[in-house]
C-alpha atoms as a PDB file:
ATOM      1  CA  UNK A   1       0.103  -0.076  -0.091  1.00  0.00           C
ATOM      2  CA  UNK A   2       1.188   3.359  -0.980  1.00  0.00           C
ATOM      3  CA  UNK A   3       1.263   6.073   1.926  1.00  0.00           C
ATOM      4  CA  UNK A   4      -0.178   9.244   0.088  1.00  0.00           C
ATOM      5  CA  UNK A   5       0.964  11.325   3.473  1.00  0.00           C
ATOM      6  CA  UNK A   6      -1.889  13.974   3.388  1.00  0.00           C
ATOM      7  CA  UNK A   7      -3.469  15.598   6.794  1.00  0.00           C
ATOM      8  CA  UNK A   8      -6.067  16.809   7.135  1.00  0.00           C
ATOM      9  CA  UNK A   9      -8.505  18.901   9.540  1.00  0.00           C
ATOM     10  CA  UNK A  10     -11.972  20.646  10.149  1.00  0.00           C
ATOM     11  CA  UNK A  11     -11.770  24.228  10.712  1.00  0.00           C
ATOM     12  CA  UNK A  12     -14.482  26.898  11.276  1.00  0.00           C
ATOM     13  CA  UNK A  13     -14.389  30.217   9.241  1.00  0.00           C
ATOM     14  CA  UNK A  14     -16.281  33.534   8.479  1.00  0.00           C
ATOM     15  CA  UNK A  15     -17.559  31.121   5.258  1.00  0.00           C
ATOM     16  CA  UNK A  16     -18.398  28.125   7.854  1.00  0.00           C
ATOM     17  CA  UNK A  17     -16.932  24.880   8.439  1.00  0.00           C
ATOM     18  CA  UNK A  18     -13.854  23.656   5.740  1.00  0.00           C
ATOM     19  CA  UNK A  19     -11.640  21.070   5.579  1.00  0.00           C
ATOM     20  CA  UNK A  20      -8.227  21.795   4.525  1.00  0.00           C
ATOM     21  CA  UNK A  21      -5.841  19.056   3.343  1.00  0.00           C
ATOM     22  CA  UNK A  22      -2.131  19.399   2.384  1.00  0.00           C
ATOM     23  CA  UNK A  23       1.127  16.934   1.817  1.00  0.00           C
ATOM     24  CA  UNK A  24       2.513  17.731   4.817  1.00  0.00           C
ATOM     25  CA  UNK A  25       3.522  14.626   6.380  1.00  0.00           C
ATOM     26  CA  UNK A  26       7.091  15.440   5.903  1.00  0.00           C
ATOM     27  CA  UNK A  27       6.653  18.474   7.443  1.00  0.00           C
ATOM     28  CA  UNK A  28       5.525  17.403  10.708  1.00  0.00           C
ATOM     29  CA  UNK A  29       8.200  14.769  10.488  1.00  0.00           C
ATOM     30  CA  UNK A  30      11.051  18.129  10.593  1.00  0.00           C
ATOM     31  CA  UNK A  31       9.068  20.391  13.132  1.00  0.00           C
ATOM     32  CA  UNK A  32       9.074  17.378  15.768  1.00  0.00           C
ATOM     33  CA  UNK A  33      12.641  16.904  14.626  1.00  0.00           C
ATOM     34  CA  UNK A  34      13.812  20.419  15.419  1.00  0.00           C
ATOM     35  CA  UNK A  35      11.180  20.625  18.784  1.00  0.00           C
ATOM     36  CA  UNK A  36      12.707  17.669  20.328  1.00  0.00           C
ATOM     37  CA  UNK A  37      16.580  19.029  19.348  1.00  0.00           C
ATOM     38  CA  UNK A  38      15.656  22.545  21.166  1.00  0.00           C
ATOM     39  CA  UNK A  39      17.244  23.030  24.349  1.00  0.00           C
ATOM     40  CA  UNK A  40      16.166  25.164  27.390  1.00  0.00           C
ATOM     41  CA  UNK A  41      15.287  28.742  26.537  1.00  0.00           C
ATOM     42  CA  UNK A  42      15.335  28.501  22.988  1.00  0.00           C
ATOM     43  CA  UNK A  43      12.834  29.237  20.459  1.00  0.00           C
ATOM     44  CA  UNK A  44      12.062  28.380  16.815  1.00  0.00           C
ATOM     45  CA  UNK A  45       9.291  30.597  14.208  1.00  0.00           C
ATOM     46  CA  UNK A  46       7.594  29.107  11.159  1.00  0.00           C
ATOM     47  CA  UNK A  47       6.439  31.783   9.207  1.00  0.00           C
ATOM     48  CA  UNK A  48       5.122  34.073   7.867  1.00  0.00           C
ATOM     49  CA  UNK A  49       6.371  33.470   4.286  1.00  0.00           C
ATOM     50  CA  UNK A  50       7.781  30.383   2.648  1.00  0.00           C
ATOM     51  CA  UNK A  51       8.833  27.495   5.436  1.00  0.00           C
ATOM     52  CA  UNK A  52      11.834  26.065   4.095  1.00  0.00           C
ATOM     53  CA  UNK A  53      12.118  22.022   4.432  1.00  0.00           C
ATOM     54  CA  UNK A  54      14.987  19.874   5.047  1.00  0.00           C
ATOM     55  CA  UNK A  55      16.571  17.194   2.882  1.00  0.00           C
ATOM     56  CA  UNK A  56      15.603  14.875   5.363  1.00  0.00           C
ATOM     57  CA  UNK A  57      12.088  16.260   7.159  1.00  0.00           C
ATOM     58  CA  UNK A  58      10.500  17.136   3.854  1.00  0.00           C
ATOM     59  CA  UNK A  59       9.341  16.100   0.450  1.00  0.00           C
ATOM     60  CA  UNK A  60       9.986  19.384  -0.881  1.00  0.00           C
ATOM     61  CA  UNK A  61      12.609  21.783  -1.151  1.00  0.00           C
ATOM     62  CA  UNK A  62      10.453  23.928  -0.198  1.00  0.00           C
ATOM     63  CA  UNK A  63       6.415  24.449   1.543  1.00  0.00           C
ATOM     64  CA  UNK A  64       5.382  27.763  -0.311  1.00  0.00           C
ATOM     65  CA  UNK A  65       1.667  28.962  -0.077  1.00  0.00           C
ATOM     66  CA  UNK A  66      -0.522  31.485  -1.559  1.00  0.00           C
ATOM     67  CA  UNK A  67      -1.563  34.411   0.699  1.00  0.00           C
ATOM     68  CA  UNK A  68       0.065  36.102   3.514  1.00  0.00           C
ATOM     69  CA  UNK A  69       1.664  33.885   6.276  1.00  0.00           C
ATOM     70  CA  UNK A  70       0.817  30.282   6.689  1.00  0.00           C
ATOM     71  CA  UNK A  71      -2.506  28.170   6.200  1.00  0.00           C
ATOM     72  CA  UNK A  72      -4.455  27.092   9.686  1.00  0.00           C
ATOM     73  CA  UNK A  73      -3.663  23.656   8.786  1.00  0.00           C
ATOM     74  CA  UNK A  74       0.330  24.248   9.239  1.00  0.00           C
ATOM     75  CA  UNK A  75      -0.517  26.341  12.328  1.00  0.00           C
ATOM     76  CA  UNK A  76      -1.972  22.957  13.390  1.00  0.00           C
ATOM     77  CA  UNK A  77       0.342  20.781  12.597  1.00  0.00           C
ATOM     78  CA  UNK A  78       3.174  22.725  14.763  1.00  0.00           C
ATOM     79  CA  UNK A  79       0.845  23.908  17.553  1.00  0.00           C
ATOM     80  CA  UNK A  80       0.087  19.646  17.878  1.00  0.00           C
ATOM     81  CA  UNK A  81       3.483  19.020  17.727  1.00  0.00           C
ATOM     82  CA  UNK A  82       4.507  21.245  20.675  1.00  0.00           C
ATOM     83  CA  UNK A  83       1.409  20.127  23.178  1.00  0.00           C
ATOM     84  CA  UNK A  84       2.422  16.679  22.641  1.00  0.00           C
ATOM     85  CA  UNK A  85       5.871  17.489  24.558  1.00  0.00           C
ATOM     86  CA  UNK A  86       6.465  18.773  28.495  1.00  0.00           C
ATOM     87  CA  UNK A  87       8.191  22.114  29.156  1.00  0.00           C
ATOM     88  CA  UNK A  88       6.974  23.703  25.404  1.00  0.00           C
ATOM     89  CA  UNK A  89       4.955  26.975  24.763  1.00  0.00           C
ATOM     90  CA  UNK A  90       3.109  27.561  21.252  1.00  0.00           C
ATOM     91  CA  UNK A  91       2.536  31.270  20.211  1.00  0.00           C
ATOM     92  CA  UNK A  92       0.749  32.771  17.413  1.00  0.00           C
ATOM     93  CA  UNK A  93       0.456  35.903  15.571  1.00  0.00           C
ATOM     94  CA  UNK A  94      -0.956  37.583  12.814  1.00  0.00           C
ATOM     95  CA  UNK A  95       1.246  40.807  12.844  1.00  0.00           C
ATOM     96  CA  UNK A  96       0.522  42.584   9.454  1.00  0.00           C
ATOM     97  CA  UNK A  97      -2.269  39.943   8.869  1.00  0.00           C
ATOM     98  CA  UNK A  98       0.707  37.747   8.302  1.00  0.00           C
ATOM     99  CA  UNK A  99      -0.421  34.346  10.879  1.00  0.00           C
ATOM    100  CA  UNK A 100       2.913  32.754  11.837  1.00  0.00           C
ATOM    101  CA  UNK A 101       3.439  30.817  15.244  1.00  0.00           C
ATOM    102  CA  UNK A 102       7.034  30.458  17.207  1.00  0.00           C
ATOM    103  CA  UNK A 103       7.600  27.536  19.457  1.00  0.00           C
ATOM    104  CA  UNK A 104       9.850  27.573  22.982  1.00  0.00           C
ATOM    105  CA  UNK A 105      10.931  25.425  25.318  1.00  0.00           C
ATOM    106  CA  UNK A 106      10.721  26.969  29.015  1.00  0.00           C
ATOM    107  CA  UNK A 107      13.322  26.575  31.276  1.00  0.00           C
ATOM    108  CA  UNK A 108      14.018  23.547  33.252  1.00  0.00           C
ATOM    109  CA  UNK A 109      13.055  23.499  36.566  1.00  0.00           C
ATOM    110  CA  UNK A 110      16.658  24.776  38.668  1.00  0.00           C
ATOM    111  CA  UNK A 111      17.974  21.928  41.127  1.00  0.00           C
ATOM    112  CA  UNK A 112      17.724  22.548  44.549  1.00  0.00           C
ATOM    113  CA  UNK A 113      20.919  21.724  47.091  1.00  0.00           C
ATOM    114  CA  UNK A 114      19.107  18.694  48.796  1.00  0.00           C
ATOM    115  CA  UNK A 115      18.696  17.219  44.787  1.00  0.00           C
ATOM    116  CA  UNK A 116      22.079  18.013  44.347  1.00  0.00           C
ATOM    117  CA  UNK A 117      23.510  16.301  47.125  1.00  0.00           C
ATOM    118  CA  UNK A 118      20.859  12.916  46.407  1.00  0.00           C
ATOM    119  CA  UNK A 119      22.040  12.855  43.206  1.00  0.00           C
ATOM    120  CA  UNK A 120      25.828  12.849  44.002  1.00  0.00           C
ATOM    121  CA  UNK A 121      24.492  10.119  47.095  1.00  0.00           C
ATOM    122  CA  UNK A 122      22.765   7.946  44.691  1.00  0.00           C
ATOM    123  CA  UNK A 123      25.423   7.763  41.851  1.00  0.00           C
ATOM    124  CA  UNK A 124      28.388   8.065  43.953  1.00  0.00           C
ATOM    125  CA  UNK A 125      29.547  10.217  40.632  1.00  0.00           C
ATOM    126  CA  UNK A 126      29.862  13.790  39.874  1.00  0.00           C
ATOM    127  CA  UNK A 127      27.051  14.518  37.645  1.00  0.00           C
ATOM    128  CA  UNK A 128      27.732  17.196  34.998  1.00  0.00           C
ATOM    129  CA  UNK A 129      26.557  19.036  31.864  1.00  0.00           C
ATOM    130  CA  UNK A 130      29.420  19.192  30.552  1.00  0.00           C
ATOM    131  CA  UNK A 131      29.606  16.263  28.974  1.00  0.00           C
ATOM    132  CA  UNK A 132      30.658  16.165  25.126  1.00  0.00           C
ATOM    133  CA  UNK A 133      27.482  14.293  22.516  1.00  0.00           C
ATOM    134  CA  UNK A 134      30.186  11.228  21.963  1.00  0.00           C
ATOM    135  CA  UNK A 135      29.525  10.661  26.240  1.00  0.00           C
ATOM    136  CA  UNK A 136      25.623  11.103  26.071  1.00  0.00           C
ATOM    137  CA  UNK A 137      25.776   8.457  23.213  1.00  0.00           C
ATOM    138  CA  UNK A 138      27.938   6.009  25.036  1.00  0.00           C
ATOM    139  CA  UNK A 139      25.695   6.222  28.166  1.00  0.00           C
ATOM    140  CA  UNK A 140      22.376   5.957  26.085  1.00  0.00           C
ATOM    141  CA  UNK A 141      23.322   3.071  24.275  1.00  0.00           C
ATOM    142  CA  UNK A 142      24.642   1.365  27.847  1.00  0.00           C
ATOM    143  CA  UNK A 143      21.017   1.987  28.774  1.00  0.00           C
ATOM    144  CA  UNK A 144      19.152   1.212  25.760  1.00  0.00           C
ATOM    145  CA  UNK A 145      21.342  -2.567  25.658  1.00  0.00           C
ATOM    146  CA  UNK A 146      19.785  -2.928  29.313  1.00  0.00           C
ATOM    147  CA  UNK A 147      15.993  -2.276  27.957  1.00  0.00           C
ATOM    148  CA  UNK A 148      16.037  -3.539  24.847  1.00  0.00           C
ATOM    149  CA  UNK A 149      14.498  -7.125  24.495  1.00  0.00           C
ATOM    150  CA  UNK A 150      12.643  -6.626  21.304  1.00  0.00           C
ATOM    151  CA  UNK A 151      14.507  -7.689  17.589  1.00  0.00           C
ATOM    152  CA  UNK A 152      13.471  -6.410  14.019  1.00  0.00           C
ATOM    153  CA  UNK A 153      15.282  -7.733  10.708  1.00  0.00           C
ATOM    154  CA  UNK A 154      18.572  -8.224  12.842  1.00  0.00           C
ATOM    155  CA  UNK A 155      18.422  -5.065  14.990  1.00  0.00           C
ATOM    156  CA  UNK A 156      17.432  -4.326  18.641  1.00  0.00           C
ATOM    157  CA  UNK A 157      15.109  -2.211  19.062  1.00  0.00           C
ATOM    158  CA  UNK A 158      13.115  -1.126  22.467  1.00  0.00           C
ATOM    159  CA  UNK A 159       9.542  -2.662  22.389  1.00  0.00           C
ATOM    160  CA  UNK A 160       5.904  -0.823  24.799  1.00  0.00           C
ATOM    161  CA  UNK A 161       6.574  -4.348  26.464  1.00  0.00           C
ATOM    162  CA  UNK A 162      10.022  -3.028  28.007  1.00  0.00           C
ATOM    163  CA  UNK A 163       8.777   0.195  29.408  1.00  0.00           C
ATOM    164  CA  UNK A 164       7.668  -1.560  32.483  1.00  0.00           C
ATOM    165  CA  UNK A 165      11.526  -2.596  33.305  1.00  0.00           C
ATOM    166  CA  UNK A 166      12.884   0.901  32.322  1.00  0.00           C
ATOM    167  CA  UNK A 167      10.234   2.558  34.291  1.00  0.00           C
ATOM    168  CA  UNK A 168      10.431   0.163  37.368  1.00  0.00           C
ATOM    169  CA  UNK A 169      13.876   1.217  37.271  1.00  0.00           C
ATOM    170  CA  UNK A 170      13.487   4.934  36.824  1.00  0.00           C
ATOM    171  CA  UNK A 171      11.160   5.268  40.072  1.00  0.00           C
ATOM    172  CA  UNK A 172      13.711   3.558  42.352  1.00  0.00           C
ATOM    173  CA  UNK A 173      16.603   6.256  41.685  1.00  0.00           C
ATOM    174  CA  UNK A 174      13.978   8.489  41.134  1.00  0.00           C
ATOM    175  CA  UNK A 175      12.369   7.985  44.808  1.00  0.00           C
ATOM    176  CA  UNK A 176      15.827   7.203  46.279  1.00  0.00           C
ATOM    177  CA  UNK A 177      17.476  10.746  45.440  1.00  0.00           C
ATOM    178  CA  UNK A 178      14.032  12.626  46.410  1.00  0.00           C
ATOM    179  CA  UNK A 179      13.873  14.544  43.212  1.00  0.00           C
ATOM    180  CA  UNK A 180      10.920  17.018  43.346  1.00  0.00           C
ATOM    181  CA  UNK A 181       9.008  16.577  40.363  1.00  0.00           C
ATOM    182  CA  UNK A 182       5.563  17.860  38.407  1.00  0.00           C
ATOM    183  CA  UNK A 183       3.145  14.909  38.653  1.00  0.00           C
ATOM    184  CA  UNK A 184       2.319  11.367  39.278  1.00  0.00           C
ATOM    185  CA  UNK A 185       4.227   9.460  36.175  1.00  0.00           C
ATOM    186  CA  UNK A 186       1.802   7.036  35.154  1.00  0.00           C
ATOM    187  CA  UNK A 187       2.161   4.252  32.385  1.00  0.00           C
ATOM    188  CA  UNK A 188      -0.051   6.228  30.277  1.00  0.00           C
ATOM    189  CA  UNK A 189       2.285   9.126  30.655  1.00  0.00           C
ATOM    190  CA  UNK A 190       5.676   7.118  29.362  1.00  0.00           C
ATOM    191  CA  UNK A 191       3.182   5.171  26.498  1.00  0.00           C
ATOM    192  CA  UNK A 192       2.868   8.462  25.071  1.00  0.00           C
ATOM    193  CA  UNK A 193       6.535   9.513  24.604  1.00  0.00           C
ATOM    194  CA  UNK A 194       7.288   6.343  23.159  1.00  0.00           C
ATOM    195  CA  UNK A 195       4.454   6.069  20.846  1.00  0.00           C
ATOM    196  CA  UNK A 196       4.813  10.049  19.904  1.00  0.00           C
ATOM    197  CA  UNK A 197       8.572   8.858  19.163  1.00  0.00           C
ATOM    198  CA  UNK A 198       7.776   5.944  17.202  1.00  0.00           C
ATOM    199  CA  UNK A 199       5.776   8.018  14.751  1.00  0.00           C
ATOM    200  CA  UNK A 200       8.444  10.601  14.430  1.00  0.00           C
ATOM    201  CA  UNK A 201      10.548   7.402  13.816  1.00  0.00           C
ATOM    202  CA  UNK A 202       8.453   6.763  10.891  1.00  0.00           C
ATOM    203  CA  UNK A 203       7.949   9.459   9.442  1.00  0.00           C
ATOM    204  CA  UNK A 204      11.513   9.715   8.726  1.00  0.00           C
ATOM    205  CA  UNK A 205      11.603   7.219   7.054  1.00  0.00           C
ATOM    206  CA  UNK A 206      12.644   4.095   9.553  1.00  0.00           C
ATOM    207  CA  UNK A 207      11.170   0.497   8.238  1.00  0.00           C
ATOM    208  CA  UNK A 208      11.125   0.132  11.990  1.00  0.00           C
ATOM    209  CA  UNK A 209       7.346   0.213  13.237  1.00  0.00           C
ATOM    210  CA  UNK A 210       7.014  -2.035  16.177  1.00  0.00           C
ATOM    211  CA  UNK A 211       9.879  -0.074  18.499  1.00  0.00           C
ATOM    212  CA  UNK A 212      12.568   1.868  19.001  1.00  0.00           C
ATOM    213  CA  UNK A 213      16.037   2.194  17.262  1.00  0.00           C
ATOM    214  CA  UNK A 214      19.113   3.661  19.562  1.00  0.00           C
ATOM    215  CA  UNK A 215      18.849   6.024  17.223  1.00  0.00           C
ATOM    216  CA  UNK A 216      15.249   7.422  18.736  1.00  0.00           C
ATOM    217  CA  UNK A 217      15.475   5.791  21.483  1.00  0.00           C
ATOM    218  CA  UNK A 218      17.799   9.041  22.752  1.00  0.00           C
ATOM    219  CA  UNK A 219      14.980  11.009  21.800  1.00  0.00           C
ATOM    220  CA  UNK A 220      12.106   9.438  23.818  1.00  0.00           C
ATOM    221  CA  UNK A 221      14.859   9.305  26.788  1.00  0.00           C
ATOM    222  CA  UNK A 222      15.298  12.997  26.512  1.00  0.00           C
ATOM    223  CA  UNK A 223      11.430  13.573  26.737  1.00  0.00           C
ATOM    224  CA  UNK A 224      10.769  10.776  29.896  1.00  0.00           C
ATOM    225  CA  UNK A 225      13.515  12.299  31.789  1.00  0.00           C
ATOM    226  CA  UNK A 226      11.381  15.230  31.768  1.00  0.00           C
ATOM    227  CA  UNK A 227       8.672  13.912  33.378  1.00  0.00           C
ATOM    228  CA  UNK A 228      10.645  12.220  36.123  1.00  0.00           C
ATOM    229  CA  UNK A 229      12.275  15.610  36.955  1.00  0.00           C
ATOM    230  CA  UNK A 230      15.669  14.855  35.839  1.00  0.00           C
ATOM    231  CA  UNK A 231      17.557  16.182  32.936  1.00  0.00           C
ATOM    232  CA  UNK A 232      19.187  13.650  30.495  1.00  0.00           C
ATOM    233  CA  UNK A 233      22.180  13.800  31.831  1.00  0.00           C
ATOM    234  CA  UNK A 234      21.374  13.354  35.444  1.00  0.00           C
ATOM    235  CA  UNK A 235      19.116  10.055  34.640  1.00  0.00           C
ATOM    236  CA  UNK A 236      21.489   8.394  32.601  1.00  0.00           C
ATOM    237  CA  UNK A 237      24.407   8.846  35.378  1.00  0.00           C
ATOM    238  CA  UNK A 238      22.146   7.303  37.971  1.00  0.00           C
ATOM    239  CA  UNK A 239      20.978   4.903  36.148  1.00  0.00           C
ATOM    240  CA  UNK A 240      24.257   3.496  35.305  1.00  0.00           C
ATOM    241  CA  UNK A 241      25.379   3.921  38.811  1.00  0.00           C
ATOM    242  CA  UNK A 242      22.220   1.664  39.466  1.00  0.00           C
ATOM    243  CA  UNK A 243      22.992  -1.292  36.920  1.00  0.00           C
ATOM    244  CA  UNK A 244      26.718  -1.010  38.564  1.00  0.00           C
ATOM    245  CA  UNK A 245      25.776  -0.911  42.267  1.00  0.00           C
ATOM    246  CA  UNK A 246      26.997  -4.203  43.993  1.00  0.00           C
ATOM    247  CA  UNK A 247      25.280  -7.158  44.522  1.00  0.00           C
END
Protein backbone atom coordinates (compact mmCIF):
# COMPACT_ATOMS: atom_id res chain seq x y z
CA UNK A 1 0.00 0.00 0.00
CA UNK A 2 1.32 3.46 -0.92
CA UNK A 3 1.20 6.02 1.90
CA UNK A 4 0.14 9.37 0.44
CA UNK A 5 1.28 11.32 3.53
CA UNK A 6 -1.64 13.75 3.36
CA UNK A 7 -2.96 15.42 6.51
CA UNK A 8 -6.39 16.97 6.88
CA UNK A 9 -8.40 18.84 9.51
CA UNK A 10 -11.71 20.67 9.78
CA UNK A 11 -11.68 24.38 10.65
CA UNK A 12 -14.30 27.07 11.18
CA UNK A 13 -14.16 30.34 9.23
CA UNK A 14 -16.29 33.36 8.40
CA UNK A 15 -18.02 31.40 5.65
CA UNK A 16 -18.58 28.32 7.85
CA UNK A 17 -16.69 25.07 8.35
CA UNK A 18 -14.15 23.83 5.80
CA UNK A 19 -11.70 20.95 5.42
CA UNK A 20 -8.03 21.72 4.79
CA UNK A 21 -5.85 19.04 3.17
CA UNK A 22 -2.09 19.20 2.79
CA UNK A 23 0.88 17.01 1.81
CA UNK A 24 2.48 17.75 5.17
CA UNK A 25 3.60 14.46 6.73
CA UNK A 26 7.23 15.24 5.94
CA UNK A 27 6.87 18.77 7.33
CA UNK A 28 5.33 17.37 10.52
CA UNK A 29 8.29 15.00 10.94
CA UNK A 30 10.71 17.89 10.44
CA UNK A 31 8.90 20.01 13.05
CA UNK A 32 8.94 17.19 15.61
CA UNK A 33 12.64 16.62 15.04
CA UNK A 34 13.43 20.34 15.41
CA UNK A 35 11.41 20.70 18.60
CA UNK A 36 12.97 17.60 20.15
CA UNK A 37 16.38 19.20 19.59
CA UNK A 38 15.58 22.53 21.28
CA UNK A 39 17.46 23.36 24.45
CA UNK A 40 15.77 25.09 27.41
CA UNK A 41 15.03 28.76 26.58
CA UNK A 42 15.51 28.11 22.84
CA UNK A 43 12.74 28.81 20.34
CA UNK A 44 11.95 28.37 16.67
CA UNK A 45 9.52 30.31 14.47
CA UNK A 46 7.53 29.12 11.46
CA UNK A 47 6.31 31.76 9.03
CA UNK A 48 5.06 34.24 8.11
CA UNK A 49 6.71 33.58 4.73
CA UNK A 50 7.39 30.28 2.95
CA UNK A 51 8.74 27.56 5.24
CA UNK A 52 11.86 25.82 4.01
CA UNK A 53 11.90 22.05 4.40
CA UNK A 54 15.11 20.16 5.06
CA UNK A 55 16.12 17.36 2.72
CA UNK A 56 15.72 14.88 5.56
CA UNK A 57 12.39 16.10 6.87
CA UNK A 58 10.46 17.27 3.83
CA UNK A 59 9.08 15.85 0.63
CA UNK A 60 9.77 19.04 -1.30
CA UNK A 61 12.38 21.76 -1.31
CA UNK A 62 10.06 24.39 0.15
CA UNK A 63 6.54 24.64 1.52
CA UNK A 64 5.21 27.66 -0.37
CA UNK A 65 1.75 29.06 0.29
CA UNK A 66 -0.67 31.33 -1.52
CA UNK A 67 -1.49 34.47 0.45
CA UNK A 68 0.18 36.04 3.48
CA UNK A 69 1.27 33.91 6.39
CA UNK A 70 0.79 30.23 7.14
CA UNK A 71 -2.42 28.32 6.41
CA UNK A 72 -4.50 27.08 9.34
CA UNK A 73 -3.46 23.45 8.74
CA UNK A 74 0.25 24.29 8.95
CA UNK A 75 -0.30 26.28 12.17
CA UNK A 76 -2.22 23.33 13.60
CA UNK A 77 0.54 20.84 12.72
CA UNK A 78 3.12 22.94 14.61
CA UNK A 79 0.79 23.58 17.55
CA UNK A 80 -0.01 19.87 17.96
CA UNK A 81 3.68 18.97 17.80
CA UNK A 82 4.39 21.44 20.63
CA UNK A 83 1.43 20.26 22.73
CA UNK A 84 2.80 16.71 22.74
CA UNK A 85 6.01 17.78 24.51
CA UNK A 86 6.34 18.76 28.17
CA UNK A 87 7.65 22.26 28.92
CA UNK A 88 6.95 23.55 25.39
CA UNK A 89 4.76 26.53 24.58
CA UNK A 90 3.41 27.66 21.20
CA UNK A 91 2.33 31.23 20.48
CA UNK A 92 0.66 32.45 17.32
CA UNK A 93 0.94 35.90 15.78
CA UNK A 94 -0.93 37.65 12.98
CA UNK A 95 1.23 40.74 12.65
CA UNK A 96 0.38 42.56 9.45
CA UNK A 97 -2.34 40.00 8.77
CA UNK A 98 0.26 37.27 8.16
CA UNK A 99 -0.19 34.34 10.60
CA UNK A 100 2.94 32.72 12.02
CA UNK A 101 3.72 30.52 15.03
CA UNK A 102 6.68 30.31 17.39
CA UNK A 103 7.50 27.45 19.76
CA UNK A 104 9.69 27.91 22.83
CA UNK A 105 11.05 25.41 25.31
CA UNK A 106 10.68 26.72 28.84
CA UNK A 107 13.68 26.79 31.14
CA UNK A 108 14.19 23.64 33.17
CA UNK A 109 13.44 24.07 36.89
CA UNK A 110 16.61 24.74 38.86
CA UNK A 111 17.73 21.87 41.02
CA UNK A 112 17.74 22.55 44.73
CA UNK A 113 20.73 21.92 46.93
CA UNK A 114 18.91 18.87 48.27
CA UNK A 115 18.52 17.52 44.74
CA UNK A 116 22.21 18.00 44.07
CA UNK A 117 23.22 16.28 47.28
CA UNK A 118 20.86 13.37 46.71
CA UNK A 119 22.14 12.96 43.14
CA UNK A 120 25.69 12.64 44.41
CA UNK A 121 24.61 10.21 47.11
CA UNK A 122 22.69 8.03 44.68
CA UNK A 123 25.24 7.94 41.90
CA UNK A 124 28.51 8.25 43.74
CA UNK A 125 29.62 10.24 40.69
CA UNK A 126 29.94 13.88 39.82
CA UNK A 127 26.79 14.78 37.88
CA UNK A 128 27.81 17.23 35.18
CA UNK A 129 26.16 18.91 32.24
CA UNK A 130 29.47 19.27 30.40
CA UNK A 131 29.53 15.82 28.81
CA UNK A 132 30.17 15.71 25.08
CA UNK A 133 27.61 14.29 22.65
CA UNK A 134 29.85 11.25 22.35
CA UNK A 135 29.72 10.70 26.13
CA UNK A 136 25.94 11.01 26.14
CA UNK A 137 25.58 8.66 23.16
CA UNK A 138 27.80 6.07 24.87
CA UNK A 139 25.74 6.21 28.07
CA UNK A 140 22.46 6.10 26.12
CA UNK A 141 23.68 3.02 24.23
CA UNK A 142 24.40 1.20 27.50
CA UNK A 143 20.95 2.08 28.85
CA UNK A 144 19.33 0.99 25.59
CA UNK A 145 21.11 -2.38 25.74
CA UNK A 146 19.82 -2.90 29.29
CA UNK A 147 16.15 -2.48 28.37
CA UNK A 148 15.73 -3.24 24.66
CA UNK A 149 14.71 -6.90 24.45
CA UNK A 150 13.15 -6.96 20.99
CA UNK A 151 14.63 -7.63 17.57
CA UNK A 152 13.44 -6.76 14.09
CA UNK A 153 15.34 -7.33 10.86
CA UNK A 154 18.31 -8.39 13.03
CA UNK A 155 18.27 -5.01 14.76
CA UNK A 156 17.69 -4.51 18.48
CA UNK A 157 14.64 -2.40 19.30
CA UNK A 158 12.91 -1.15 22.43
CA UNK A 159 9.31 -2.38 22.42
CA UNK A 160 6.39 -1.04 24.41
CA UNK A 161 6.52 -4.21 26.51
CA UNK A 162 10.03 -3.20 27.63
CA UNK A 163 8.78 0.00 29.26
CA UNK A 164 7.75 -1.69 32.51
CA UNK A 165 11.30 -2.51 33.61
CA UNK A 166 12.51 0.92 32.53
CA UNK A 167 9.81 2.67 34.56
CA UNK A 168 10.46 0.51 37.62
CA UNK A 169 14.17 1.40 37.64
CA UNK A 170 13.58 5.11 37.02
CA UNK A 171 11.05 5.16 39.88
CA UNK A 172 13.64 3.51 42.13
CA UNK A 173 16.40 6.04 41.45
CA UNK A 174 13.91 8.93 41.55
CA UNK A 175 12.61 7.93 44.98
CA UNK A 176 16.14 7.30 46.25
CA UNK A 177 17.24 10.80 45.29
CA UNK A 178 13.98 12.39 46.51
CA UNK A 179 13.72 14.44 43.35
CA UNK A 180 10.92 16.95 42.89
CA UNK A 181 8.59 16.32 39.97
CA UNK A 182 5.51 18.10 38.71
CA UNK A 183 3.21 15.07 38.50
CA UNK A 184 2.79 11.43 39.36
CA UNK A 185 4.06 9.54 36.33
CA UNK A 186 1.83 6.77 35.00
CA UNK A 187 2.39 4.14 32.34
CA UNK A 188 0.04 6.10 30.08
CA UNK A 189 2.29 9.18 30.35
CA UNK A 190 5.36 7.20 29.27
CA UNK A 191 3.36 5.32 26.64
CA UNK A 192 2.34 8.60 24.96
CA UNK A 193 6.00 9.64 24.69
CA UNK A 194 6.90 6.21 23.31
CA UNK A 195 4.11 6.35 20.70
CA UNK A 196 5.00 9.90 19.65
CA UNK A 197 8.67 8.98 19.28
CA UNK A 198 7.83 5.85 17.32
CA UNK A 199 5.60 7.89 15.01
CA UNK A 200 8.47 10.35 14.49
CA UNK A 201 10.82 7.45 13.73
CA UNK A 202 8.43 6.08 11.10
CA UNK A 203 7.81 9.54 9.63
CA UNK A 204 11.56 9.91 9.20
CA UNK A 205 11.55 6.85 6.93
CA UNK A 206 12.50 4.06 9.33
CA UNK A 207 11.50 0.50 8.45
CA UNK A 208 11.03 -0.32 12.15
CA UNK A 209 7.41 0.17 13.15
CA UNK A 210 7.15 -1.99 16.29
CA UNK A 211 9.86 -0.46 18.48
CA UNK A 212 12.46 2.25 18.89
CA UNK A 213 15.95 2.00 17.48
CA UNK A 214 18.93 3.30 19.43
CA UNK A 215 18.87 6.60 17.52
CA UNK A 216 15.30 7.40 18.55
CA UNK A 217 15.64 5.87 22.02
CA UNK A 218 17.69 8.94 22.94
CA UNK A 219 14.81 11.19 21.80
CA UNK A 220 12.42 9.11 23.92
CA UNK A 221 14.76 9.21 26.93
CA UNK A 222 15.18 12.98 26.70
CA UNK A 223 11.40 13.48 26.85
CA UNK A 224 10.77 10.82 29.51
CA UNK A 225 13.46 12.19 31.83
CA UNK A 226 11.56 15.48 32.10
CA UNK A 227 8.50 13.69 33.47
CA UNK A 228 10.51 12.46 36.43
CA UNK A 229 12.24 15.79 37.09
CA UNK A 230 15.62 14.76 35.68
CA UNK A 231 17.86 16.16 33.00
CA UNK A 232 18.92 13.62 30.39
CA UNK A 233 22.54 13.59 31.58
CA UNK A 234 21.62 13.15 35.25
CA UNK A 235 19.20 10.31 34.53
CA UNK A 236 21.74 8.48 32.38
CA UNK A 237 24.35 8.79 35.12
CA UNK A 238 21.95 7.69 37.87
CA UNK A 239 20.72 4.64 35.95
CA UNK A 240 24.23 3.49 35.06
CA UNK A 241 25.29 3.84 38.68
CA UNK A 242 22.20 1.86 39.68
CA UNK A 243 23.20 -0.93 37.28
CA UNK A 244 26.80 -0.97 38.56
CA UNK A 245 25.94 -1.03 42.26
CA UNK A 246 27.43 -3.93 44.26
CA UNK A 247 25.23 -6.95 44.75
